[in-house]
Amino acid sequence: MEETNIVNEKPSLNFLEEIIENDLNNGIHKSIITRFPPEPNGYLHIGHAKSICLNFGLGKKYNGRTNLRFDDTNPVKEDVEYVDSIKEDIKWLGFNWAEEHYASDYFEQLYLWACELIKKGLAYVDDQTQDEIKLNRGTVQTPGKNSPYRDRTPEENLRIFQEMRDGKYADGEKILRAKIDMAHTNMHMRDPILYRILHTEHHRTGNKWCIYPMYDYAHGQSDSIENITHSICTLEFDVHRPLYDWFIQQLGIFPSHQYEFARLNLSYTVMSKRKLLQLVQEGHVSSWDDPRMPTICGFRRRGYTPEAIRNFCDSIGVAKRDNFIDVGRLEFSLREDLNKRANRVMAVLDPIKLVIDNYPEGQTEELEAINNPEDENAGTRKLTFSNTLYIERDDFMENPPKKYFRLSLGNEVRLRYAYFITCTSVEKDSQGNITTIHCTYDAASRGGNSPDGRKVKGTIHWVDANNHINAEVRLFDRLFISETPEKTEDGKTFLDNINPDSMKILKNCKCEPSLKNVKHLDKFQFERLGYFSVDYDSKEGAVVFNRACTLKDSWKKD
């Protein structure tokens, strides 16, 4: 077969890149401005990470810029805590915004534009209740009914709208609606709500305002104020685009344009902010940054790296249709990244004592261990070795099956970086549980090699019982047992799909002493066990490790 040289081939563009390049090449825009517009009503999750990487990535690729704008139009659900966490997450992912804005920065301008729509006869104050408005909107198959207040004069609407701002009316007593078409095939165009009354303190403007713009009204105009050229949203906003365009056209302002891409749908994961908040408030998880949560801060605490998340977002691409991504791809990105950067260490999570009877009592020697075979600059470290060690309990079996290559009576294995040992006997307690394993060692096999060329199939890790640290280790698994936890039947909810074994806490684990002075979020590969990160709960003399992921995909289907 003839070989094809693809070294100089131009990488294929996703549909957004094609749009941007076309706009730049045709002079529609001299440069691009994107934005990431979170609502500060919760912590960011992995779905937001995709949007962050996309918006900031496009800004960087095309020498443009990306703003951070908080769409803080609902003071009932918003908090400065969420603002701070969002900024921290974006910076941790490796991005810096060109300008920081808030929709609340534009409240006065948005109010004036609403007044302009009223003067043009394109907006009116409605006294109907929420239930009446909902009932009169109609359905997709049937047109809605005009409000009895729809024909108020612009002068009357302006007066009442000013009174709404002045605080004359109670919450829900009146609203401002756009006057478009109650028979429109797009339900979002059936006289949508622009403003509602909320006598609630805002996290930035305090009690200055008691009327607040709806998201659909504030979003496009905020984009326009900032001269956003490409307003990139997830696919569910596709039906909102006609309204986005209508406001801009009627006001005659900078024509920002909205584009939609498919949101991230991840297996074994819930992405709804409301449901994530429910998990926290009802105590199903410990906090927003619980390592089982799909929040960015949860992934950070668990041991994920920003590089792994960015690589994952790049690898899944940008689609126009909704797609479903296996969470195993995210875990693969982490393994691939940590394999390069994480130093190897030895830790025993379920320890059992092993005594080498022919090793001199009281003697200690140092052995050299490689820190990271993937990084030649990582160097080596010293391990101490004595006649008493800890090994994993499941690395020994008294009556093993065939093809069992770990330690058993009469069987020989290699201790990592150390010697060949052969099991000779065991000690048991009154219940018949093994408490101590006795072995002999081959003094000529130092370093794990036999001078006579004999082959040993099994290699196990260990920790010196006379020189180690104790640690707590938290083993995390997927929070849900179902690939699609939100799809339920027979009256069940997503909570019924919670994995009861999503966290196991192991006390009194044994780790090599090099882990004594670790810092929060330091990452290591525990040889043969997985990748682990130092938890925030760690303190001097009491280290806590979180398992970020196993060494291979334990959920992979055969």
Protein backbone atom coordinates (compact mmCIF):
# COMPACT_ATOMS: atom_id res chain seq x y z
CA MET A 1 0.00 0.00 0.00
CA GLU A 2 1.32 3.44 -0.93
CA GLU A 3 2.15 5.57 2.09
CA THR A 4 0.56 8.97 2.43
CA ASN A 5 2.52 11.86 3.89
CA ILE A 6 0.20 13.77 6.19
CA VAL A 7 2.84 15.78 8.04
CA ASN A 8 1.91 19.04 6.32
CA GLU A 9 -1.84 18.48 6.15
CA LYS A 10 -3.89 21.26 7.73
CA PRO A 11 -5.89 19.97 10.71
CA SER A 12 -9.62 19.81 10.04
CA LEU A 13 -11.65 22.67 11.47
CA ASN A 14 -14.77 22.33 13.58
CA PHE A 15 -17.84 24.21 12.36
CA LEU A 16 -17.22 27.18 14.71
CA GLU A 17 -13.67 27.59 13.46
CA GLU A 18 -14.97 27.52 9.90
CA ILE A 19 -17.47 30.28 10.74
CA ILE A 20 -14.81 32.42 12.41
CA GLU A 21 -12.29 32.00 9.61
CA ASN A 22 -14.95 32.88 7.05
CA ASP A 23 -15.91 36.01 9.02
CA LEU A 24 -12.28 37.12 9.31
CA ASN A 25 -11.41 36.34 5.68
CA ASN A 26 -14.47 38.22 4.41
CA GLY A 27 -13.85 41.25 6.59
CA ILE A 28 -17.06 40.82 8.60
CA HIS A 29 -14.93 41.18 11.74
CA LYS A 30 -11.39 42.47 12.07
CA SER A 31 -10.88 40.41 15.22
CA ILE A 32 -13.07 38.17 17.34
CA ILE A 33 -14.36 38.61 20.86
CA THR A 34 -15.91 35.67 22.71
CA ARG A 35 -17.20 35.45 26.25
CA PHE A 36 -17.88 32.93 28.96
CA PRO A 37 -21.15 33.98 30.66
CA PRO A 38 -21.88 31.87 33.77
CA GLU A 39 -24.76 32.53 36.10
CA PRO A 40 -23.35 32.78 39.65
CA ASN A 41 -25.93 30.41 41.12
CA GLY A 42 -23.75 27.34 41.63
CA TYR A 43 -20.33 25.84 41.10
CA LEU A 44 -19.03 25.08 37.62
CA HIS A 45 -19.07 21.47 36.43
CA ILE A 46 -17.30 19.51 33.72
CA GLY A 47 -19.86 20.67 31.14
CA HIS A 48 -18.85 24.26 31.82
CA ALA A 49 -15.22 23.23 31.38
CA LYS A 50 -15.99 22.33 27.77
CA SER A 51 -17.53 25.77 27.20
CA ILE A 52 -14.60 27.48 28.92
CA CYS A 53 -12.05 25.62 26.81
CA LEU A 54 -14.02 26.36 23.65
CA ASN A 55 -14.55 30.09 24.22
CA PHE A 56 -11.09 30.85 25.55
CA GLY A 57 -9.49 28.47 23.05
CA LEU A 58 -11.11 30.20 20.07
CA GLY A 59 -10.13 33.62 21.39
CA LYS A 60 -6.53 32.51 21.73
CA LYS A 61 -6.34 30.65 18.40
CA TYR A 62 -7.55 33.64 16.39
CA ASN A 63 -5.63 36.32 18.34
CA GLY A 64 -8.86 37.69 19.74
CA ARG A 65 -9.93 38.00 23.32
CA THR A 66 -12.41 36.43 25.71
CA ASN A 67 -14.39 38.21 28.42
CA LEU A 68 -15.76 36.76 31.62
CA ARG A 69 -19.26 38.03 32.25
CA PHE A 70 -21.47 36.98 35.12
CA ASP A 71 -25.13 36.94 34.08
CA ASP A 72 -26.29 37.96 37.53
CA THR A 73 -29.93 38.80 36.83
CA ASN A 74 -31.56 36.62 39.50
CA PRO A 75 -30.54 37.75 43.01
CA VAL A 76 -32.65 35.05 44.64
CA LYS A 77 -30.21 32.30 43.65
CA GLU A 78 -26.92 34.17 43.30
CA ASP A 79 -24.07 34.62 45.74
CA VAL A 80 -20.57 36.07 45.83
CA GLU A 81 -19.37 32.61 46.91
CA TYR A 82 -20.24 31.32 43.45
CA VAL A 83 -18.56 34.30 41.76
CA ASP A 84 -15.30 33.63 43.60
CA SER A 85 -15.40 29.88 42.90
CA ILE A 86 -16.03 30.43 39.19
CA LYS A 87 -13.05 32.77 38.85
CA GLU A 88 -10.85 30.31 40.74
CA ASP A 89 -11.93 27.43 38.49
CA ILE A 90 -11.25 29.33 35.27
CA LYS A 91 -7.78 30.35 36.42
CA TRP A 92 -7.04 26.80 37.56
CA LEU A 93 -7.97 25.51 34.10
CA GLY A 94 -5.27 27.81 32.74
CA PHE A 95 -7.25 30.71 31.27
CA ASN A 96 -7.24 34.45 31.86
CA TRP A 97 -10.06 36.73 30.75
CA ALA A 98 -9.50 40.01 28.93
CA GLU A 99 -12.22 41.90 30.82
CA GLU A 100 -14.46 41.06 33.77
CA HIS A 101 -18.06 42.18 33.52
CA TYR A 102 -21.44 41.60 35.13
CA ALA A 103 -24.90 41.91 33.64
CA SER A 104 -25.61 44.08 36.67
CA ASP A 105 -23.08 46.57 35.25
CA TYR A 106 -25.62 47.18 32.51
CA PHE A 107 -28.85 47.40 34.55
CA GLU A 108 -29.31 51.11 33.82
CA GLN A 109 -28.70 50.69 30.09
CA LEU A 110 -30.98 47.66 29.94
CA TYR A 111 -33.69 49.67 31.69
CA LEU A 112 -33.33 52.53 29.19
CA TRP A 113 -33.53 50.10 26.28
CA ALA A 114 -36.69 48.60 27.79
CA CYS A 115 -38.14 52.11 27.92
CA GLU A 116 -37.20 52.53 24.26
CA LEU A 117 -39.07 49.35 23.36
CA ILE A 118 -42.09 50.65 25.27
CA LYS A 119 -41.99 53.95 23.39
CA LYS A 120 -41.89 52.03 20.10
CA GLY A 121 -44.96 50.06 21.13
CA LEU A 122 -42.88 46.89 21.38
CA ALA A 123 -43.27 46.26 25.12
CA TYR A 124 -46.07 46.56 27.67
CA VAL A 125 -46.79 46.07 31.35
CA ASP A 126 -48.95 43.04 32.10
CA ASP A 127 -50.99 42.60 35.30
CA GLN A 128 -51.80 38.91 34.74
CA THR A 129 -50.61 36.34 37.24
CA GLN A 130 -47.97 33.80 36.30
CA ASP A 131 -50.64 31.10 36.05
CA GLU A 132 -52.75 33.24 33.72
CA ILE A 133 -49.76 34.03 31.53
CA LYS A 134 -48.85 30.37 31.32
CA LEU A 135 -52.41 29.38 30.44
CA ASN A 136 -52.76 32.06 27.77
CA ARG A 137 -49.48 31.21 26.03
CA GLY A 138 -51.16 28.30 24.29
CA THR A 139 -49.29 25.24 23.10
CA VAL A 140 -47.06 24.33 20.20
CA GLN A 141 -50.20 23.28 18.32
CA THR A 142 -52.50 26.13 19.40
CA PRO A 143 -51.82 29.90 19.39
CA GLY A 144 -51.80 31.92 22.55
CA LYS A 145 -54.25 34.63 23.60
CA ASN A 146 -53.41 38.30 23.81
CA SER A 147 -53.21 39.75 27.29
CA PRO A 148 -56.10 42.11 28.17
CA TYR A 149 -53.37 44.65 29.04
CA ARG A 150 -51.55 44.33 25.70
CA ASP A 151 -53.05 47.49 24.23
CA ARG A 152 -52.04 49.88 26.98
CA THR A 153 -50.61 53.07 25.54
CA PRO A 154 -46.84 53.61 25.54
CA GLU A 155 -47.37 56.54 27.93
CA GLU A 156 -49.25 54.37 30.45
CA ASN A 157 -46.70 51.56 30.14
CA LEU A 158 -43.81 53.99 30.72
CA ARG A 159 -45.49 55.40 33.82
CA ILE A 160 -46.22 52.00 35.34
CA PHE A 161 -42.77 50.67 34.45
CA GLN A 162 -41.21 53.64 36.26
CA GLU A 163 -43.46 52.92 39.25
CA MET A 164 -42.29 49.30 39.16
CA ARG A 165 -38.71 50.53 39.39
CA ASP A 166 -39.63 52.88 42.23
CA GLY A 167 -40.93 49.96 44.30
CA LYS A 168 -44.63 50.78 44.21
CA TYR A 169 -45.73 47.21 43.48
CA ALA A 170 -45.25 43.86 45.19
CA ASP A 171 -43.42 40.87 43.79
CA GLY A 172 -45.38 39.29 40.95
CA GLU A 173 -47.93 42.09 40.81
CA LYS A 174 -46.78 43.28 37.39
CA ILE A 175 -44.28 42.31 34.71
CA LEU A 176 -42.95 43.86 31.52
CA ARG A 177 -43.39 41.83 28.33
CA ALA A 178 -42.21 42.26 24.77
CA LYS A 179 -45.01 42.70 22.23
CA ILE A 180 -44.19 40.27 19.44
CA ASP A 181 -46.72 37.63 18.35
CA MET A 182 -48.88 35.40 20.54
CA ALA A 183 -49.45 33.07 17.58
CA HIS A 184 -45.76 32.63 16.76
CA THR A 185 -44.69 29.04 16.12
CA ASN A 186 -41.71 29.61 18.45
CA MET A 187 -43.09 29.69 22.00
CA HIS A 188 -40.22 31.96 23.09
CA MET A 189 -41.54 34.68 20.77
CA ARG A 190 -45.01 34.78 22.34
CA ASP A 191 -44.64 38.06 24.19
CA PRO A 192 -41.73 36.95 26.42
CA ILE A 193 -41.18 38.49 29.84
CA LEU A 194 -38.50 41.20 29.99
CA TYR A 195 -38.68 42.31 33.65
CA ARG A 196 -40.14 40.98 36.87
CA ILE A 197 -40.39 42.54 40.32
CA LEU A 198 -38.10 41.07 43.01
CA HIS A 199 -37.68 42.94 46.29
CA THR A 200 -34.47 41.07 47.02
CA GLU A 201 -30.97 42.35 47.76
CA HIS A 202 -28.50 41.81 44.92
CA HIS A 203 -24.98 40.62 45.69
CA ARG A 204 -23.49 43.64 43.86
CA THR A 205 -26.14 46.35 43.54
CA GLY A 206 -27.67 45.87 46.97
CA ASN A 207 -31.20 47.28 47.17
CA LYS A 208 -30.80 49.79 44.33
CA TRP A 209 -33.08 47.74 42.07
CA CYS A 210 -36.32 45.90 42.70
CA ILE A 211 -36.94 45.01 39.05
CA TYR A 212 -34.60 42.59 37.32
CA PRO A 213 -34.24 41.70 33.63
CA MET A 214 -34.84 38.16 32.45
CA TYR A 215 -31.89 36.19 31.09
CA ASP A 216 -33.24 36.16 27.53
CA TYR A 217 -33.49 39.93 27.54
CA ALA A 218 -30.19 40.72 29.25
CA HIS A 219 -28.00 38.20 27.48
CA GLY A 220 -27.98 39.48 23.92
CA GLN A 221 -27.82 43.14 24.91
CA SER A 222 -24.88 42.43 27.25
CA ASP A 223 -23.12 40.71 24.35
CA SER A 224 -23.81 43.75 22.20
CA ILE A 225 -22.48 46.22 24.77
CA GLU A 226 -19.21 44.27 24.89
CA ASN A 227 -19.05 43.94 21.06
CA ILE A 228 -19.05 40.16 21.32
CA THR A 229 -18.66 38.87 17.77
CA HIS A 230 -19.39 35.20 18.40
CA SER A 231 -21.78 34.42 21.25
CA ILE A 232 -21.33 30.68 21.68
CA CYS A 233 -24.06 28.84 23.58
CA THR A 234 -25.12 25.26 24.10
CA LEU A 235 -27.68 23.67 21.82
CA GLU A 236 -30.73 24.22 24.03
CA PHE A 237 -30.47 27.95 23.26
CA ASP A 238 -31.09 27.32 19.55
CA VAL A 239 -34.79 28.15 19.93
CA HIS A 240 -33.88 31.33 21.84
CA ARG A 241 -31.81 32.73 18.95
CA PRO A 242 -34.75 34.40 17.12
CA LEU A 243 -35.52 36.35 20.30
CA TYR A 244 -31.82 37.18 20.76
CA ASP A 245 -31.78 38.61 17.22
CA TRP A 246 -35.16 40.39 17.60
CA PHE A 247 -34.01 42.51 20.55
CA ILE A 248 -30.79 43.54 18.80
CA GLN A 249 -32.61 44.40 15.58
CA GLN A 250 -35.34 46.43 17.28
CA LEU A 251 -32.80 48.39 19.33
CA GLY A 252 -30.42 48.89 16.40
CA ILE A 253 -27.34 48.02 18.46
CA PHE A 254 -24.11 46.12 17.70
CA PRO A 255 -25.12 42.88 15.98
CA SER A 256 -23.65 40.16 18.16
CA HIS A 257 -24.56 36.76 16.76
CA GLN A 258 -25.33 33.56 18.61
CA TYR A 259 -24.00 30.12 17.62
CA GLU A 260 -24.87 26.83 19.29
CA PHE A 261 -22.89 23.68 19.96
CA ALA A 262 -23.81 20.41 21.64
CA ARG A 263 -23.41 20.40 25.40
CA LEU A 264 -21.36 17.73 27.12
CA ASN A 265 -23.39 14.70 28.20
CA LEU A 266 -21.21 12.41 30.30
CA SER A 267 -22.07 8.88 31.39
CA TYR A 268 -22.61 8.10 35.09
CA THR A 269 -22.91 11.85 35.69
CA VAL A 270 -25.56 14.43 36.55
CA MET A 271 -25.02 17.91 35.08
CA SER A 272 -28.08 19.78 36.34
CA LYS A 273 -27.10 22.57 38.74
CA ARG A 274 -30.38 22.05 40.56
CA LYS A 275 -29.66 18.37 41.10
CA LEU A 276 -26.07 18.99 42.10
CA LEU A 277 -27.31 21.51 44.67
CA GLN A 278 -29.77 18.88 45.92
CA LEU A 279 -26.92 16.39 46.38
CA VAL A 280 -25.10 18.93 48.55
CA GLN A 281 -28.06 20.23 50.54
CA GLU A 282 -29.43 16.77 51.33
CA GLY A 283 -26.04 15.43 52.41
CA HIS A 284 -25.57 12.81 49.69
CA VAL A 285 -22.10 14.34 49.24
CA SER A 286 -20.06 16.38 51.69
CA SER A 287 -19.78 19.60 49.68
CA TRP A 288 -19.57 21.12 46.20
CA ASP A 289 -15.92 20.01 46.07
CA ASP A 290 -16.62 16.45 47.17
CA PRO A 291 -14.26 14.38 44.96
CA ARG A 292 -17.23 12.40 43.64
CA MET A 293 -18.93 15.52 42.27
CA PRO A 294 -18.57 16.47 38.58
CA THR A 295 -17.74 20.04 39.60
CA ILE A 296 -14.42 21.48 38.52
CA CYS A 297 -13.47 22.01 42.17
CA GLY A 298 -14.47 18.41 42.86
CA PHE A 299 -12.22 17.13 40.08
CA ARG A 300 -9.41 19.36 41.35
CA ARG A 301 -9.72 17.97 44.89
CA ARG A 302 -9.90 14.41 43.59
CA GLY A 303 -6.56 14.81 41.85
CA TYR A 304 -7.37 15.81 38.28
CA THR A 305 -5.04 18.17 36.48
CA PRO A 306 -6.12 21.12 34.33
CA GLU A 307 -4.12 19.60 31.48
CA ALA A 308 -6.13 16.38 31.65
CA ILE A 309 -9.45 18.24 31.53
CA ARG A 310 -8.31 20.50 28.68
CA ASN A 311 -7.04 17.51 26.71
CA PHE A 312 -10.33 15.72 27.28
CA CYS A 313 -12.33 18.71 26.05
CA ASP A 314 -10.13 18.96 22.95
CA SER A 315 -10.40 15.24 22.25
CA ILE A 316 -14.21 15.11 22.20
CA GLY A 317 -14.44 17.93 19.68
CA VAL A 318 -17.29 20.33 18.96
CA ALA A 319 -20.53 18.95 17.56
CA LYS A 320 -23.80 20.41 16.31
CA ARG A 321 -25.85 17.53 17.68
CA ASP A 322 -26.18 16.26 21.22
CA ASN A 323 -23.81 13.39 21.90
CA PHE A 324 -23.04 11.08 24.80
CA ILE A 325 -19.46 10.69 26.03
CA ASP A 326 -18.25 7.78 28.13
CA VAL A 327 -16.70 9.05 31.38
CA GLY A 328 -13.93 6.52 30.72
CA ARG A 329 -12.52 8.96 28.15
CA LEU A 330 -12.11 11.58 30.85
CA GLU A 331 -10.39 9.06 33.13
CA PHE A 332 -8.13 8.03 30.23
CA SER A 333 -7.04 11.66 29.80
CA LEU A 334 -6.10 11.80 33.47
CA ARG A 335 -4.13 8.54 33.36
CA GLU A 336 -2.30 9.69 30.27
CA ASP A 337 -1.33 12.98 31.92
CA LEU A 338 -0.42 11.62 35.37
CA ASN A 339 1.60 8.79 33.86
CA LYS A 340 4.02 11.44 32.61
CA ARG A 341 4.12 13.70 35.66
CA ALA A 342 3.35 11.65 38.79
CA ASN A 343 6.26 10.19 40.75
CA ARG A 344 5.97 6.54 41.72
CA VAL A 345 5.84 5.63 45.39
CA MET A 346 4.89 2.56 47.40
CA ALA A 347 1.92 2.40 49.74
CA VAL A 348 0.06 -0.52 51.30
CA LEU A 349 -3.64 0.09 51.75
CA ASP A 350 -4.67 -3.15 53.49
CA PRO A 351 -1.49 -4.10 55.36
CA ILE A 352 -0.42 -7.46 56.70
CA LYS A 353 2.91 -7.97 58.41
CA LEU A 354 5.65 -9.94 56.67
CA VAL A 355 8.75 -11.11 58.55
CA ILE A 356 11.91 -12.26 56.75
CA ASP A 357 13.30 -14.80 59.19
CA ASN A 358 16.79 -15.10 57.71
CA TYR A 359 17.34 -11.35 57.37
CA PRO A 360 19.53 -10.04 60.23
CA GLU A 361 17.46 -8.72 63.13
CA GLY A 362 17.98 -4.95 63.60
CA GLN A 363 19.73 -4.48 60.25
CA THR A 364 18.59 -1.76 57.85
CA GLU A 365 19.79 -1.04 54.36
CA GLU A 366 18.95 1.49 51.68
CA LEU A 367 17.67 0.57 48.24
CA GLU A 368 17.43 2.82 45.22
CA ALA A 369 14.05 3.34 43.55
CA ILE A 370 13.15 5.12 40.31
CA ASN A 371 10.84 8.10 40.77
CA ASN A 372 9.29 8.11 37.31
CA PRO A 373 10.38 5.90 34.39
CA GLU A 374 8.53 8.29 32.03
CA ASP A 375 10.68 11.25 33.12
CA GLU A 376 14.43 10.80 33.03
CA ASN A 377 14.88 14.02 35.00
CA ALA A 378 12.79 12.76 37.93
CA GLY A 379 15.77 10.97 39.46
CA THR A 380 15.72 8.34 42.17
CA ARG A 381 15.01 8.06 45.88
CA LYS A 382 16.17 5.87 48.77
CA LEU A 383 13.99 3.25 50.43
CA THR A 384 14.84 1.60 53.71
CA PHE A 385 14.57 -2.18 54.05
CA SER A 386 14.49 -4.34 57.17
CA ASN A 387 13.39 -7.80 58.23
CA THR A 388 9.80 -6.65 58.93
CA LEU A 389 7.63 -5.25 56.14
CA TYR A 390 4.01 -4.60 55.25
CA ILE A 391 2.48 -6.00 52.08
CA GLU A 392 -1.07 -5.93 50.71
CA ARG A 393 -3.29 -8.56 52.32
CA ASP A 394 -4.57 -9.69 48.93
CA ASP A 395 -1.01 -10.22 47.68
CA PHE A 396 -0.96 -13.42 49.75
CA MET A 397 -3.20 -16.46 49.40
CA GLU A 398 -2.86 -19.59 51.50
CA ASN A 399 -4.60 -21.82 48.97
CA PRO A 400 -4.17 -20.09 45.63
CA PRO A 401 -5.82 -21.07 42.34
CA LYS A 402 -3.81 -21.99 39.28
CA LYS A 403 -1.88 -19.15 37.60
CA TYR A 404 -1.71 -17.23 40.87
CA PHE A 405 1.67 -15.51 40.72
CA ARG A 406 1.68 -13.57 43.96
CA LEU A 407 2.84 -14.82 47.34
CA SER A 408 1.69 -18.19 48.69
CA LEU A 409 3.15 -20.99 50.81
CA GLY A 410 6.30 -22.29 49.12
CA ASN A 411 6.02 -19.77 46.30
CA GLU A 412 8.71 -17.22 45.42
CA VAL A 413 8.04 -13.61 44.40
CA ARG A 414 10.04 -10.47 43.85
CA LEU A 415 9.82 -7.54 46.25
CA ARG A 416 9.92 -4.37 44.15
CA TYR A 417 13.49 -2.92 44.13
CA ALA A 418 14.52 -5.41 46.84
CA TYR A 419 14.91 -9.22 46.93
CA PHE A 420 13.33 -12.52 46.04
CA ILE A 421 11.40 -13.97 48.97
CA THR A 422 9.78 -17.36 49.56
CA CYS A 423 6.90 -17.90 51.97
CA THR A 424 7.59 -20.54 54.62
CA SER A 425 4.71 -20.23 57.12
CA VAL A 426 1.98 -18.03 58.53
CA GLU A 427 0.67 -17.07 61.96
CA LYS A 428 -3.07 -16.94 62.69
CA ASP A 429 -5.27 -15.53 65.42
CA SER A 430 -7.91 -17.46 67.35
CA GLN A 431 -10.45 -16.88 64.56
CA GLY A 432 -8.14 -18.33 61.94
CA ASN A 433 -7.22 -14.99 60.35
CA ILE A 434 -3.65 -14.66 59.12
CA THR A 435 -1.77 -12.06 61.15
CA THR A 436 1.84 -12.55 60.04
CA ILE A 437 3.54 -14.06 57.01
CA HIS A 438 6.98 -15.61 57.43
CA CYS A 439 9.48 -15.75 54.56
CA THR A 440 13.10 -16.24 53.71
CA TYR A 441 15.03 -14.10 51.25
CA ASP A 442 17.77 -14.67 48.71
CA ALA A 443 20.57 -12.28 49.67
CA ALA A 444 22.06 -12.57 46.18
CA SER A 445 18.95 -11.15 44.51
CA ARG A 446 19.33 -7.55 45.72
CA GLY A 447 17.65 -5.14 43.35
CA GLY A 448 15.17 -7.80 42.29
CA ASN A 449 17.51 -9.77 40.03
CA SER A 450 18.78 -13.31 40.53
CA PRO A 451 22.42 -14.04 39.62
CA ASP A 452 21.55 -17.59 38.54
CA GLY A 453 19.00 -16.33 36.00
CA ARG A 454 16.00 -17.85 37.71
CA LYS A 455 12.68 -16.39 36.67
CA VAL A 456 10.06 -15.12 39.07
CA LYS A 457 6.66 -14.20 37.63
CA GLY A 458 5.23 -12.19 40.50
CA THR A 459 6.35 -8.78 41.77
CA ILE A 460 4.69 -7.15 44.77
CA HIS A 461 5.15 -3.82 46.52
CA TRP A 462 5.92 -3.30 50.19
CA VAL A 463 6.67 -0.76 52.92
CA ASP A 464 9.27 -1.00 55.67
CA ALA A 465 7.43 -1.62 58.94
CA ASN A 466 10.24 0.10 60.84
CA ASN A 467 10.25 3.24 58.68
CA HIS A 468 6.91 4.40 57.28
CA ILE A 469 4.07 6.84 57.80
CA ASN A 470 0.44 6.06 58.51
CA ALA A 471 -2.15 7.64 56.23
CA GLU A 472 -5.85 7.70 55.50
CA VAL A 473 -6.79 6.76 51.95
CA ARG A 474 -10.14 7.49 50.35
CA LEU A 475 -11.13 5.30 47.43
CA PHE A 476 -13.65 7.00 45.18
CA ASP A 477 -15.80 5.34 42.58
CA ARG A 478 -18.51 6.68 40.32
CA LEU A 479 -21.25 8.47 42.19
CA PHE A 480 -23.99 6.74 40.20
CA ILE A 481 -24.42 3.10 39.21
CA SER A 482 -26.40 3.95 36.07
CA GLU A 483 -24.86 5.27 32.86
CA THR A 484 -27.81 7.65 32.61
CA PRO A 485 -28.77 8.40 36.23
CA GLU A 486 -31.38 11.00 35.29
CA LYS A 487 -33.39 8.49 33.25
CA THR A 488 -35.64 6.75 35.75
CA GLU A 489 -39.00 5.01 35.82
CA ASP A 490 -41.59 3.63 38.25
CA GLY A 491 -41.60 6.79 40.34
CA LYS A 492 -37.88 6.69 41.10
CA THR A 493 -35.54 9.70 40.97
CA PHE A 494 -31.89 10.12 40.08
CA LEU A 495 -31.12 9.72 43.79
CA ASP A 496 -32.13 6.05 43.54
CA ASN A 497 -29.13 5.55 41.22
CA ILE A 498 -26.56 6.71 43.76
CA ASN A 499 -23.74 4.20 44.18
CA PRO A 500 -23.65 3.15 47.87
CA ASP A 501 -20.00 2.19 47.45
CA SER A 502 -18.88 5.44 45.82
CA MET A 503 -16.48 6.14 48.71
CA LYS A 504 -14.50 3.83 50.95
CA ILE A 505 -12.28 5.23 53.70
CA LEU A 506 -9.24 3.17 54.68
CA LYS A 507 -7.54 4.02 57.95
CA ASN A 508 -4.00 3.16 59.03
CA CYS A 509 -2.61 2.61 55.55
CA LYS A 510 1.18 2.32 55.36
CA CYS A 511 3.22 4.59 53.07
CA GLU A 512 6.90 5.02 52.41
CA PRO A 513 8.42 7.88 54.45
CA SER A 514 9.07 10.08 51.37
CA LEU A 515 5.38 11.06 51.64
CA LYS A 516 5.78 12.63 55.07
CA ASN A 517 6.03 16.26 53.94
CA VAL A 518 3.60 16.34 51.03
CA LYS A 519 1.48 19.37 50.16
CA HIS A 520 -2.20 19.64 49.29
CA LEU A 521 -2.95 18.35 45.77
CA ASP A 522 0.49 16.73 45.32
CA LYS A 523 0.00 13.75 43.04
CA PHE A 524 1.60 10.30 43.00
CA GLN A 525 1.24 6.92 41.44
CA PHE A 526 0.96 4.32 44.18
CA GLU A 527 2.63 1.43 42.39
CA ARG A 528 0.14 -1.21 41.26
CA LEU A 529 -2.75 0.67 42.91
CA GLY A 530 -3.55 3.85 41.01
CA TYR A 531 -3.05 7.60 41.02
CA PHE A 532 -3.55 9.48 44.28
CA SER A 533 -3.67 13.11 45.37
CA VAL A 534 -3.20 14.76 48.76
CA ASP A 535 -6.56 15.92 50.13
CA TYR A 536 -7.27 19.28 51.78
CA ASP A 537 -8.03 17.46 55.03
CA SER A 538 -4.35 16.52 55.36
CA LYS A 539 -2.37 18.10 58.14
CA GLU A 540 1.04 17.54 59.68
CA GLY A 541 1.29 13.98 60.90
CA ALA A 542 -2.06 12.97 59.38
CA VAL A 543 -1.89 12.70 55.61
CA VAL A 544 -5.07 11.96 53.62
CA PHE A 545 -4.90 10.69 50.03
CA ASN A 546 -7.69 10.60 47.46
CA ARG A 547 -7.61 8.05 44.67
CA ALA A 548 -7.95 10.08 41.48
CA CYS A 549 -8.28 7.01 39.27
CA THR A 550 -7.18 3.42 39.00
CA LEU A 551 -4.29 2.33 36.76
CA LYS A 552 -6.74 0.92 34.24
CA ASP A 553 -10.44 1.20 33.51
CA SER A 554 -12.07 -1.20 35.98
CA TRP A 555 -15.51 -0.45 34.46
CA LYS A 556 -14.53 -1.33 30.90
CA LYS A 557 -16.86 -3.84 29.33
CA ASP A 558 -15.42 -7.05 27.91
